[in-house]
Each structure stands twice: as C-alpha cells, then as structure tokens.
C-alpha cells in the first residue's frame, strides 16, 4: 500500500497596508521597545482584542518568569520580589482609601 503525503496549501499573498488609511494600529510602538515592553503595552491597551490581551499577559508572565531564573535576566529574583511587594502595598493602600471614601 502506498503512503499519501499531505498536500501543501498555498497561502494567500500578504498585502501591504493601505497608505491612505488613517487608523492607528496597536502594533505601532517605539523601535527600541523590548519584547516585554511590547507585551505589556498590548496587554494594557483597551482597544486591543481581549484574546490578544490575554495572550500577551500570559506571554509576559512566562517572559518574566524565565528572565528571573537566569542571572543575566531582566531582574534577579530579589528585585522581582521587591517589585511585587511594592505593588501589593500600593494596591492595599488604594483599597483602604476607597473603603474610607465609601464610609
């Protein structure tokens, strides 16, 4: 019996964006932007699709996690822990202020 190979499908040609379009795209960012900065920018952009924002959040978490495991990464584990602690304190302060306003 002979084996059949899967057939190759042709991709549609990629078209250049219409230069007359005046819309701003989410992908536009500074050229020196790091991959992590890009992921965080997309994640925080309310005009981006929710699925894309979720994917960027997951990718950013994985990126930070991998970076903290290595010595030459974005930050060492202690720096990351300090950032997280500062963020927790800031959130707790905001919650306390909001609760005080409600009373």
PDB file of N, CA and C in Angstrom:
ATOM      1  N   UNK A   1       0.840  -1.170   0.000  1.00  0.00           N
ATOM      2  CA  UNK A   1       0.000   0.000   0.000  1.00  0.00           C
ATOM      3  C   UNK A   1       0.892   1.241   0.000  1.00  0.00           C
ATOM      4  N   UNK A   2       0.554   2.203  -0.743  1.00  0.00           N
ATOM      5  CA  UNK A   2       1.382   3.401  -0.841  1.00  0.00           C
ATOM      6  C   UNK A   2       0.906   4.456   0.138  1.00  0.00           C
ATOM      7  N   UNK A   3       1.872   5.186   0.644  1.00  0.00           N
ATOM      8  CA  UNK A   3       1.534   6.272   1.569  1.00  0.00           C
ATOM      9  C   UNK A   3       1.183   7.519   0.784  1.00  0.00           C
ATOM     10  N   UNK A   4       0.240   8.240   1.298  1.00  0.00           N
ATOM     11  CA  UNK A   4      -0.090   9.519   0.662  1.00  0.00           C
ATOM     12  C   UNK A   4       0.464  10.638   1.509  1.00  0.00           C
ATOM     13  N   UNK A   5       1.039  11.587   0.854  1.00  0.00           N
ATOM     14  CA  UNK A   5       1.579  12.741   1.564  1.00  0.00           C
ATOM     15  C   UNK A   5       0.528  13.828   1.639  1.00  0.00           C
ATOM     16  N   UNK A   6       0.550  14.560   2.730  1.00  0.00           N
ATOM     17  CA  UNK A   6      -0.408  15.672   2.793  1.00  0.00           C
ATOM     18  C   UNK A   6      -0.088  16.693   1.709  1.00  0.00           C
ATOM     19  N   UNK A   7      -1.116  17.239   1.141  1.00  0.00           N
ATOM     20  CA  UNK A   7      -0.904  18.234   0.095  1.00  0.00           C
ATOM     21  C   UNK A   7      -0.551  19.570   0.717  1.00  0.00           C
ATOM     22  N   UNK A   8       0.254  20.306   0.023  1.00  0.00           N
ATOM     23  CA  UNK A   8       0.632  21.628   0.506  1.00  0.00           C
ATOM     24  C   UNK A   8      -0.438  22.621   0.095  1.00  0.00           C
ATOM     25  N   UNK A   9      -0.782  23.484   1.020  1.00  0.00           N
ATOM     26  CA  UNK A   9      -1.755  24.516   0.687  1.00  0.00           C
ATOM     27  C   UNK A   9      -1.009  25.807   0.434  1.00  0.00           C
ATOM     28  N   UNK A  10      -1.523  26.596  -0.452  1.00  0.00           N
ATOM     29  CA  UNK A  10      -0.891  27.869  -0.768  1.00  0.00           C
ATOM     30  C   UNK A  10      -1.460  28.943   0.129  1.00  0.00           C
ATOM     31  N   UNK A  11      -0.588  29.743   0.647  1.00  0.00           N
ATOM     32  CA  UNK A  11      -1.026  30.864   1.472  1.00  0.00           C
ATOM     33  C   UNK A  11      -1.402  32.036   0.584  1.00  0.00           C
ATOM     34  N   UNK A  12      -2.359  32.786   1.068  1.00  0.00           N
ATOM     35  CA  UNK A  12      -2.747  33.987   0.342  1.00  0.00           C
ATOM     36  C   UNK A  12      -1.602  34.992   0.431  1.00  0.00           C
ATOM     37  N   UNK A  13      -1.369  35.763  -0.615  1.00  0.00           N
ATOM     38  CA  UNK A  13      -0.283  36.749  -0.562  1.00  0.00           C
ATOM     39  C   UNK A  13      -0.568  37.809   0.501  1.00  0.00           C
ATOM     40  N   UNK A  14       0.484  38.241   1.149  1.00  0.00           N
ATOM     41  CA  UNK A  14       0.359  39.278   2.172  1.00  0.00           C
ATOM     42  C   UNK A  14       0.321  40.622   1.470  1.00  0.00           C
ATOM     43  N   UNK A  15      -0.686  41.388   1.797  1.00  0.00           N
ATOM     44  CA  UNK A  15      -0.833  42.690   1.161  1.00  0.00           C
ATOM     45  C   UNK A  15      -0.264  43.778   2.051  1.00  0.00           C
ATOM     46  N   UNK A  16       0.321  44.754   1.432  1.00  0.00           N
ATOM     47  CA  UNK A  16       0.841  45.905   2.167  1.00  0.00           C
ATOM     48  C   UNK A  16      -0.336  46.715   2.700  1.00  0.00           C
ATOM     49  N   UNK A  17      -0.195  47.308   3.875  1.00  0.00           N
ATOM     50  CA  UNK A  17      -1.295  48.111   4.410  1.00  0.00           C
ATOM     51  C   UNK A  17      -1.585  49.298   3.512  1.00  0.00           C
ATOM     52  N   UNK A  18      -2.841  49.645   3.467  1.00  0.00           N
ATOM     53  CA  UNK A  18      -3.271  50.770   2.648  1.00  0.00           C
ATOM     54  C   UNK A  18      -2.730  52.061   3.253  1.00  0.00           C
ATOM     55  N   UNK A  19      -1.928  52.785   2.495  1.00  0.00           N
ATOM     56  CA  UNK A  19      -1.306  54.005   3.000  1.00  0.00           C
ATOM     57  C   UNK A  19      -2.317  55.124   3.224  1.00  0.00           C
ATOM     58  N   UNK A  20      -3.468  55.037   2.578  1.00  0.00           N
ATOM     59  CA  UNK A  20      -4.475  56.080   2.757  1.00  0.00           C
ATOM     60  C   UNK A  20      -5.236  55.907   4.061  1.00  0.00           C
ATOM     61  N   UNK A  21      -5.050  54.776   4.717  1.00  0.00           N
ATOM     62  CA  UNK A  21      -5.746  54.517   5.971  1.00  0.00           C
ATOM     63  C   UNK A  21      -5.174  55.398   7.069  1.00  0.00           C
ATOM     64  N   UNK A  22      -6.068  56.042   7.815  1.00  0.00           N
ATOM     65  CA  UNK A  22      -5.625  56.959   8.862  1.00  0.00           C
ATOM     66  C   UNK A  22      -5.737  56.333  10.244  1.00  0.00           C
ATOM     67  N   UNK A  23      -5.981  55.029  10.314  1.00  0.00           N
ATOM     68  CA  UNK A  23      -6.138  54.392  11.611  1.00  0.00           C
ATOM     69  C   UNK A  23      -4.785  54.114  12.244  1.00  0.00           C
ATOM     70  N   UNK A  24      -4.746  54.148  13.548  1.00  0.00           N
ATOM     71  CA  UNK A  24      -3.538  53.833  14.289  1.00  0.00           C
ATOM     72  C   UNK A  24      -3.639  52.384  14.736  1.00  0.00           C
ATOM     73  N   UNK A  25      -2.573  51.636  14.541  1.00  0.00           N
ATOM     74  CA  UNK A  25      -2.586  50.229  14.908  1.00  0.00           C
ATOM     75  C   UNK A  25      -1.935  50.037  16.267  1.00  0.00           C
ATOM     76  N   UNK A  26      -2.396  49.012  16.953  1.00  0.00           N
ATOM     77  CA  UNK A  26      -1.875  48.679  18.272  1.00  0.00           C
ATOM     78  C   UNK A  26      -0.402  48.318  18.187  1.00  0.00           C
ATOM     79  N   UNK A  27       0.036  47.779  17.059  1.00  0.00           N
ATOM     80  CA  UNK A  27       1.414  47.313  16.918  1.00  0.00           C
ATOM     81  C   UNK A  27       2.425  48.436  16.824  1.00  0.00           C
ATOM     82  N   UNK A  28       1.965  49.653  16.630  1.00  0.00           N
ATOM     83  CA  UNK A  28       2.909  50.753  16.478  1.00  0.00           C
ATOM     84  C   UNK A  28       3.499  51.124  17.831  1.00  0.00           C
ATOM     85  N   UNK A  29       4.804  51.041  17.924  1.00  0.00           N
ATOM     86  CA  UNK A  29       5.493  51.374  19.154  1.00  0.00           C
ATOM     87  C   UNK A  29       6.878  51.891  18.837  1.00  0.00           C
ATOM     88  N   UNK A  30       7.588  52.345  19.841  1.00  0.00           N
ATOM     89  CA  UNK A  30       8.942  52.846  19.593  1.00  0.00           C
ATOM     90  C   UNK A  30       9.850  51.716  19.110  1.00  0.00           C
ATOM     91  N   UNK A  31      10.781  52.017  18.220  1.00  0.00           N
ATOM     92  CA  UNK A  31      11.637  50.959  17.670  1.00  0.00           C
ATOM     93  C   UNK A  31      12.548  50.315  18.711  1.00  0.00           C
ATOM     94  N   UNK A  32      12.864  51.016  19.782  1.00  0.00           N
ATOM     95  CA  UNK A  32      13.752  50.459  20.803  1.00  0.00           C
ATOM     96  C   UNK A  32      12.985  49.682  21.875  1.00  0.00           C
ATOM     97  N   UNK A  33      11.714  49.434  21.649  1.00  0.00           N
ATOM     98  CA  UNK A  33      10.856  48.748  22.617  1.00  0.00           C
ATOM     99  C   UNK A  33      11.301  47.298  22.793  1.00  0.00           C
ATOM    100  N   UNK A  34      11.431  46.874  24.041  1.00  0.00           N
ATOM    101  CA  UNK A  34      11.812  45.486  24.316  1.00  0.00           C
ATOM    102  C   UNK A  34      10.599  44.581  24.122  1.00  0.00           C
ATOM    103  N   UNK A  35      10.826  43.284  23.976  1.00  0.00           N
ATOM    104  CA  UNK A  35       9.691  42.365  23.839  1.00  0.00           C
ATOM    105  C   UNK A  35       8.739  42.442  25.037  1.00  0.00           C
ATOM    106  N   UNK A  36       9.291  42.572  26.233  1.00  0.00           N
ATOM    107  CA  UNK A  36       8.440  42.674  27.417  1.00  0.00           C
ATOM    108  C   UNK A  36       7.624  43.960  27.390  1.00  0.00           C
ATOM    109  N   UNK A  37       8.239  45.075  27.007  1.00  0.00           N
ATOM    110  CA  UNK A  37       7.501  46.333  26.902  1.00  0.00           C
ATOM    111  C   UNK A  37       6.366  46.216  25.895  1.00  0.00           C
ATOM    112  N   UNK A  38       6.636  45.554  24.786  1.00  0.00           N
ATOM    113  CA  UNK A  38       5.598  45.346  23.769  1.00  0.00           C
ATOM    114  C   UNK A  38       4.434  44.554  24.350  1.00  0.00           C
ATOM    115  N   UNK A  39       4.754  43.450  25.022  1.00  0.00           N
ATOM    116  CA  UNK A  39       3.694  42.608  25.585  1.00  0.00           C
ATOM    117  C   UNK A  39       2.862  43.378  26.602  1.00  0.00           C
ATOM    118  N   UNK A  40       3.530  44.146  27.459  1.00  0.00           N
ATOM    119  CA  UNK A  40       2.807  44.918  28.464  1.00  0.00           C
ATOM    120  C   UNK A  40       1.960  46.015  27.824  1.00  0.00           C
ATOM    121  N   UNK A  41       2.473  46.632  26.760  1.00  0.00           N
ATOM    122  CA  UNK A  41       1.714  47.692  26.091  1.00  0.00           C
ATOM    123  C   UNK A  41       0.440  47.125  25.468  1.00  0.00           C
ATOM    124  N   UNK A  42       0.541  45.981  24.810  1.00  0.00           N
ATOM    125  CA  UNK A  42      -0.633  45.359  24.201  1.00  0.00           C
ATOM    126  C   UNK A  42      -1.606  44.921  25.290  1.00  0.00           C
ATOM    127  N   UNK A  43      -1.077  44.354  26.359  1.00  0.00           N
ATOM    128  CA  UNK A  43      -1.919  43.877  27.457  1.00  0.00           C
ATOM    129  C   UNK A  43      -2.735  45.020  28.069  1.00  0.00           C
ATOM    130  N   UNK A  44      -2.156  46.199  28.140  1.00  0.00           N
ATOM    131  CA  UNK A  44      -2.819  47.348  28.769  1.00  0.00           C
ATOM    132  C   UNK A  44      -3.675  48.168  27.801  1.00  0.00           C
ATOM    133  N   UNK A  45      -3.624  47.836  26.519  1.00  0.00           N
ATOM    134  CA  UNK A  45      -4.345  48.620  25.514  1.00  0.00           C
ATOM    135  C   UNK A  45      -5.819  48.216  25.475  1.00  0.00           C
ATOM    136  N   UNK A  46      -6.736  49.116  25.865  1.00  0.00           N
ATOM    137  CA  UNK A  46      -8.154  48.753  25.885  1.00  0.00           C
ATOM    138  C   UNK A  46      -8.743  48.557  24.487  1.00  0.00           C
ATOM    139  N   UNK A  47      -8.071  49.029  23.436  1.00  0.00           N
ATOM    140  CA  UNK A  47      -8.598  48.853  22.082  1.00  0.00           C
ATOM    141  C   UNK A  47      -8.196  47.522  21.464  1.00  0.00           C
ATOM    142  N   UNK A  48      -7.259  46.813  22.075  1.00  0.00           N
ATOM    143  CA  UNK A  48      -6.844  45.506  21.556  1.00  0.00           C
ATOM    144  C   UNK A  48      -7.911  44.473  21.893  1.00  0.00           C
ATOM    145  N   UNK A  49      -7.985  43.425  21.085  1.00  0.00           N
ATOM    146  CA  UNK A  49      -8.952  42.361  21.327  1.00  0.00           C
ATOM    147  C   UNK A  49      -8.622  41.664  22.642  1.00  0.00           C
ATOM    148  N   UNK A  50      -9.662  41.224  23.350  1.00  0.00           N
ATOM    149  CA  UNK A  50      -9.461  40.580  24.651  1.00  0.00           C
ATOM    150  C   UNK A  50      -8.587  39.342  24.558  1.00  0.00           C
ATOM    151  N   UNK A  51      -8.781  38.542  23.523  1.00  0.00           N
ATOM    152  CA  UNK A  51      -7.975  37.322  23.370  1.00  0.00           C
ATOM    153  C   UNK A  51      -6.501  37.674  23.200  1.00  0.00           C
ATOM    154  N   UNK A  52      -6.232  38.734  22.465  1.00  0.00           N
ATOM    155  CA  UNK A  52      -4.842  39.151  22.265  1.00  0.00           C
ATOM    156  C   UNK A  52      -4.249  39.688  23.555  1.00  0.00           C
ATOM    157  N   UNK A  53      -5.028  40.462  24.304  1.00  0.00           N
ATOM    158  CA  UNK A  53      -4.548  40.996  25.579  1.00  0.00           C
ATOM    159  C   UNK A  53      -4.244  39.853  26.547  1.00  0.00           C
ATOM    160  N   UNK A  54      -5.121  38.841  26.572  1.00  0.00           N
ATOM    161  CA  UNK A  54      -4.894  37.677  27.428  1.00  0.00           C
ATOM    162  C   UNK A  54      -3.616  36.950  27.022  1.00  0.00           C
ATOM    163  N   UNK A  55      -3.417  36.776  25.721  1.00  0.00           N
ATOM    164  CA  UNK A  55      -2.214  36.084  25.233  1.00  0.00           C
ATOM    165  C   UNK A  55      -0.956  36.860  25.615  1.00  0.00           C
ATOM    166  N   UNK A  56      -1.001  38.181  25.524  1.00  0.00           N
ATOM    167  CA  UNK A  56       0.164  39.000  25.889  1.00  0.00           C
ATOM    168  C   UNK A  56       0.437  38.925  27.388  1.00  0.00           C
ATOM    169  N   UNK A  57      -0.627  38.879  28.201  1.00  0.00           N
ATOM    170  CA  UNK A  57      -0.440  38.759  29.652  1.00  0.00           C
ATOM    171  C   UNK A  57       0.251  37.430  29.984  1.00  0.00           C
ATOM    172  N   UNK A  58      -0.197  36.353  29.354  1.00  0.00           N
ATOM    173  CA  UNK A  58       0.424  35.043  29.595  1.00  0.00           C
ATOM    174  C   UNK A  58       1.877  35.037  29.132  1.00  0.00           C
ATOM    175  N   UNK A  59       2.115  35.608  27.964  1.00  0.00           N
ATOM    176  CA  UNK A  59       3.480  35.638  27.433  1.00  0.00           C
ATOM    177  C   UNK A  59       4.391  36.482  28.320  1.00  0.00           C
ATOM    178  N   UNK A  60       3.879  37.599  28.823  1.00  0.00           N
ATOM    179  CA  UNK A  60       4.687  38.460  29.690  1.00  0.00           C
ATOM    180  C   UNK A  60       5.036  37.732  30.986  1.00  0.00           C
ATOM    181  N   UNK A  61       4.075  37.007  31.545  1.00  0.00           N
ATOM    182  CA  UNK A  61       4.351  36.243  32.772  1.00  0.00           C
ATOM    183  C   UNK A  61       5.435  35.205  32.532  1.00  0.00           C
ATOM    184  N   UNK A  62       5.321  34.496  31.421  1.00  0.00           N
ATOM    185  CA  UNK A  62       6.328  33.485  31.105  1.00  0.00           C
ATOM    186  C   UNK A  62       7.687  34.135  30.865  1.00  0.00           C
ATOM    187  N   UNK A  63       7.690  35.288  30.191  1.00  0.00           N
ATOM    188  CA  UNK A  63       8.928  36.003  29.906  1.00  0.00           C
ATOM    189  C   UNK A  63       9.603  36.445  31.203  1.00  0.00           C
ATOM    190  N   UNK A  64       8.844  37.000  32.115  1.00  0.00           N
ATOM    191  CA  UNK A  64       9.393  37.453  33.396  1.00  0.00           C
ATOM    192  C   UNK A  64       9.881  36.263  34.203  1.00  0.00           C
ATOM    193  N   UNK A  65       9.097  35.196  34.190  1.00  0.00           N
ATOM    194  CA  UNK A  65       9.476  34.002  34.946  1.00  0.00           C
ATOM    195  C   UNK A  65      10.799  33.435  34.440  1.00  0.00           C
ATOM    196  N   UNK A  66      10.947  33.323  33.128  1.00  0.00           N
ATOM    197  CA  UNK A  66      12.206  32.811  32.562  1.00  0.00           C
ATOM    198  C   UNK A  66      13.358  33.765  32.840  1.00  0.00           C
ATOM    199  N   UNK A  67      13.089  35.056  32.772  1.00  0.00           N
ATOM    200  CA  UNK A  67      14.145  36.052  32.970  1.00  0.00           C
ATOM    201  C   UNK A  67      14.662  36.051  34.395  1.00  0.00           C
ATOM    202  N   UNK A  68      13.788  35.805  35.357  1.00  0.00           N
ATOM    203  CA  UNK A  68      14.225  35.835  36.753  1.00  0.00           C
ATOM    204  C   UNK A  68      14.984  34.572  37.136  1.00  0.00           C
ATOM    205  N   UNK A  69      14.837  33.506  36.356  1.00  0.00           N
ATOM    206  CA  UNK A  69      15.545  32.266  36.661  1.00  0.00           C
ATOM    207  C   UNK A  69      17.022  32.360  36.310  1.00  0.00           C
ATOM    208  N   UNK A  70      17.364  33.187  35.366  1.00  0.00           N
ATOM    209  CA  UNK A  70      18.757  33.303  34.943  1.00  0.00           C
ATOM    210  C   UNK A  70      19.395  34.518  35.597  1.00  0.00           C
ATOM    211  N   UNK A  71      20.671  34.454  35.793  1.00  0.00           N
ATOM    212  CA  UNK A  71      21.395  35.551  36.444  1.00  0.00           C
ATOM    213  C   UNK A  71      21.392  36.818  35.599  1.00  0.00           C
ATOM    214  N   UNK A  72      21.515  36.668  34.274  1.00  0.00           N
ATOM    215  CA  UNK A  72      21.596  37.832  33.400  1.00  0.00           C
ATOM    216  C   UNK A  72      20.253  38.290  32.872  1.00  0.00           C
ATOM    217  N   UNK A  73      19.166  37.882  33.516  1.00  0.00           N
ATOM    218  CA  UNK A  73      17.837  38.232  33.036  1.00  0.00           C
ATOM    219  C   UNK A  73      17.479  39.685  33.312  1.00  0.00           C
ATOM    220  N   UNK A  74      16.234  40.022  33.106  1.00  0.00           N
ATOM    221  CA  UNK A  74      15.763  41.395  33.296  1.00  0.00           C
ATOM    222  C   UNK A  74      15.991  41.847  34.729  1.00  0.00           C
ATOM    223  N   UNK A  75      15.693  41.001  35.661  1.00  0.00           N
ATOM    224  CA  UNK A  75      15.911  41.326  37.066  1.00  0.00           C
ATOM    225  C   UNK A  75      16.142  40.026  37.820  1.00  0.00           C
ATOM    226  N   UNK A  76      16.831  40.106  38.898  1.00  0.00           N
ATOM    227  CA  UNK A  76      17.023  38.880  39.665  1.00  0.00           C
ATOM    228  C   UNK A  76      15.789  38.633  40.525  1.00  0.00           C
ATOM    229  N   UNK A  77      15.738  37.499  41.147  1.00  0.00           N
ATOM    230  CA  UNK A  77      14.558  37.098  41.896  1.00  0.00           C
ATOM    231  C   UNK A  77      14.260  38.069  43.028  1.00  0.00           C
ATOM    232  N   UNK A  78      15.270  38.569  43.700  1.00  0.00           N
ATOM    233  CA  UNK A  78      15.054  39.500  44.810  1.00  0.00           C
ATOM    234  C   UNK A  78      14.444  40.811  44.326  1.00  0.00           C
ATOM    235  N   UNK A  79      14.920  41.303  43.187  1.00  0.00           N
ATOM    236  CA  UNK A  79      14.330  42.525  42.624  1.00  0.00           C
ATOM    237  C   UNK A  79      12.868  42.302  42.261  1.00  0.00           C
ATOM    238  N   UNK A  80      12.573  41.141  41.697  1.00  0.00           N
ATOM    239  CA  UNK A  80      11.196  40.826  41.327  1.00  0.00           C
ATOM    240  C   UNK A  80      10.315  40.744  42.576  1.00  0.00           C
ATOM    241  N   UNK A  81      10.816  40.094  43.612  1.00  0.00           N
ATOM    242  CA  UNK A  81      10.040  40.006  44.864  1.00  0.00           C
ATOM    243  C   UNK A  81       9.781  41.391  45.449  1.00  0.00           C
ATOM    244  N   UNK A  82      10.767  42.264  45.380  1.00  0.00           N
ATOM    245  CA  UNK A  82      10.592  43.626  45.899  1.00  0.00           C
ATOM    246  C   UNK A  82       9.554  44.386  45.075  1.00  0.00           C
ATOM    247  N   UNK A  83       9.602  44.236  43.757  1.00  0.00           N
ATOM    248  CA  UNK A  83       8.591  44.868  42.904  1.00  0.00           C
ATOM    249  C   UNK A  83       7.194  44.368  43.244  1.00  0.00           C
ATOM    250  N   UNK A  84       7.062  43.080  43.434  1.00  0.00           N
ATOM    251  CA  UNK A  84       5.753  42.505  43.774  1.00  0.00           C
ATOM    252  C   UNK A  84       5.277  43.005  45.138  1.00  0.00           C
ATOM    253  N   UNK A  85       6.164  43.097  46.095  1.00  0.00           N
ATOM    254  CA  UNK A  85       5.789  43.595  47.422  1.00  0.00           C
ATOM    255  C   UNK A  85       5.339  45.048  47.345  1.00  0.00           C
ATOM    256  N   UNK A  86       6.064  45.863  46.581  1.00  0.00           N
ATOM    257  CA  UNK A  86       5.674  47.263  46.405  1.00  0.00           C
ATOM    258  C   UNK A  86       4.304  47.371  45.745  1.00  0.00           C
ATOM    259  N   UNK A  87       4.052  46.514  44.763  1.00  0.00           N
ATOM    260  CA  UNK A  87       2.756  46.523  44.081  1.00  0.00           C
ATOM    261  C   UNK A  87       1.643  46.123  45.042  1.00  0.00           C
ATOM    262  N   UNK A  88       1.889  45.106  45.870  1.00  0.00           N
ATOM    263  CA  UNK A  88       0.881  44.683  46.858  1.00  0.00           C
ATOM    264  C   UNK A  88       0.566  45.808  47.841  1.00  0.00           C
ATOM    265  N   UNK A  89       1.602  46.488  48.305  1.00  0.00           N
ATOM    266  CA  UNK A  89       1.393  47.599  49.241  1.00  0.00           C
ATOM    267  C   UNK A  89       0.599  48.725  48.596  1.00  0.00           C
ATOM    268  N   UNK A  90       0.910  49.040  47.357  1.00  0.00           N
ATOM    269  CA  UNK A  90       0.196  50.105  46.649  1.00  0.00           C
ATOM    270  C   UNK A  90      -1.277  49.740  46.471  1.00  0.00           C
ATOM    271  N   UNK A  91      -1.542  48.495  46.116  1.00  0.00           N
ATOM    272  CA  UNK A  91      -2.926  48.047  45.947  1.00  0.00           C
ATOM    273  C   UNK A  91      -3.667  48.091  47.277  1.00  0.00           C
ATOM    274  N   UNK A  92      -3.022  47.658  48.342  1.00  0.00           N
ATOM    275  CA  UNK A  92      -3.655  47.691  49.664  1.00  0.00           C
ATOM    276  C   UNK A  92      -3.975  49.126  50.081  1.00  0.00           C
ATOM    277  N   UNK A  93      -3.062  50.056  49.785  1.00  0.00           N
ATOM    278  CA  UNK A  93      -3.317  51.465  50.097  1.00  0.00           C
ATOM    279  C   UNK A  93      -4.504  52.004  49.314  1.00  0.00           C
ATOM    280  N   UNK A  94      -4.580  51.658  48.049  1.00  0.00           N
ATOM    281  CA  UNK A  94      -5.693  52.127  47.214  1.00  0.00           C
ATOM    282  C   UNK A  94      -7.025  51.576  47.709  1.00  0.00           C
ATOM    283  N   UNK A  95      -7.039  50.303  48.079  1.00  0.00           N
ATOM    284  CA  UNK A  95      -8.261  49.692  48.593  1.00  0.00           C
ATOM    285  C   UNK A  95      -8.685  50.372  49.889  1.00  0.00           C
ATOM    286  N   UNK A  96      -7.719  50.628  50.755  1.00  0.00           N
ATOM    287  CA  UNK A  96      -8.040  51.302  52.027  1.00  0.00           C
ATOM    288  C   UNK A  96      -8.620  52.694  51.770  1.00  0.00           C
ATOM    289  N   UNK A  97      -8.048  53.436  50.832  1.00  0.00           N
ATOM    290  CA  UNK A  97      -8.569  54.781  50.517  1.00  0.00           C
ATOM    291  C   UNK A  97      -9.988  54.697  49.954  1.00  0.00           C
ATOM    292  N   UNK A  98     -10.241  53.724  49.071  1.00  0.00           N
ATOM    293  CA  UNK A  98     -11.567  53.580  48.505  1.00  0.00           C
ATOM    294  C   UNK A  98     -12.600  53.194  49.565  1.00  0.00           C
ATOM    295  N   UNK A  99     -12.205  52.331  50.477  1.00  0.00           N
ATOM    296  CA  UNK A  99     -13.121  51.950  51.562  1.00  0.00           C
ATOM    297  C   UNK A  99     -13.399  53.131  52.476  1.00  0.00           C
ATOM    298  N   UNK A 100     -12.393  53.969  52.733  1.00  0.00           N
ATOM    299  CA  UNK A 100     -12.579  55.156  53.577  1.00  0.00           C
ATOM    300  C   UNK A 100     -13.526  56.139  52.909  1.00  0.00           C
ATOM    301  N   UNK A 101     -13.437  56.279  51.586  1.00  0.00           N
ATOM    302  CA  UNK A 101     -14.326  57.173  50.858  1.00  0.00           C
ATOM    303  C   UNK A 101     -15.767  56.715  50.909  1.00  0.00           C
ATOM    304  N   UNK A 102     -15.982  55.386  50.902  1.00  0.00           N
ATOM    305  CA  UNK A 102     -17.332  54.833  50.925  1.00  0.00           C
ATOM    306  C   UNK A 102     -18.011  54.998  52.273  1.00  0.00           C
ATOM    307  N   UNK A 103     -17.244  55.145  53.320  1.00  0.00           N
ATOM    308  CA  UNK A 103     -17.834  55.241  54.673  1.00  0.00           C
ATOM    309  C   UNK A 103     -18.322  56.590  55.001  1.00  0.00           C
TER     310      UNK A 103
END
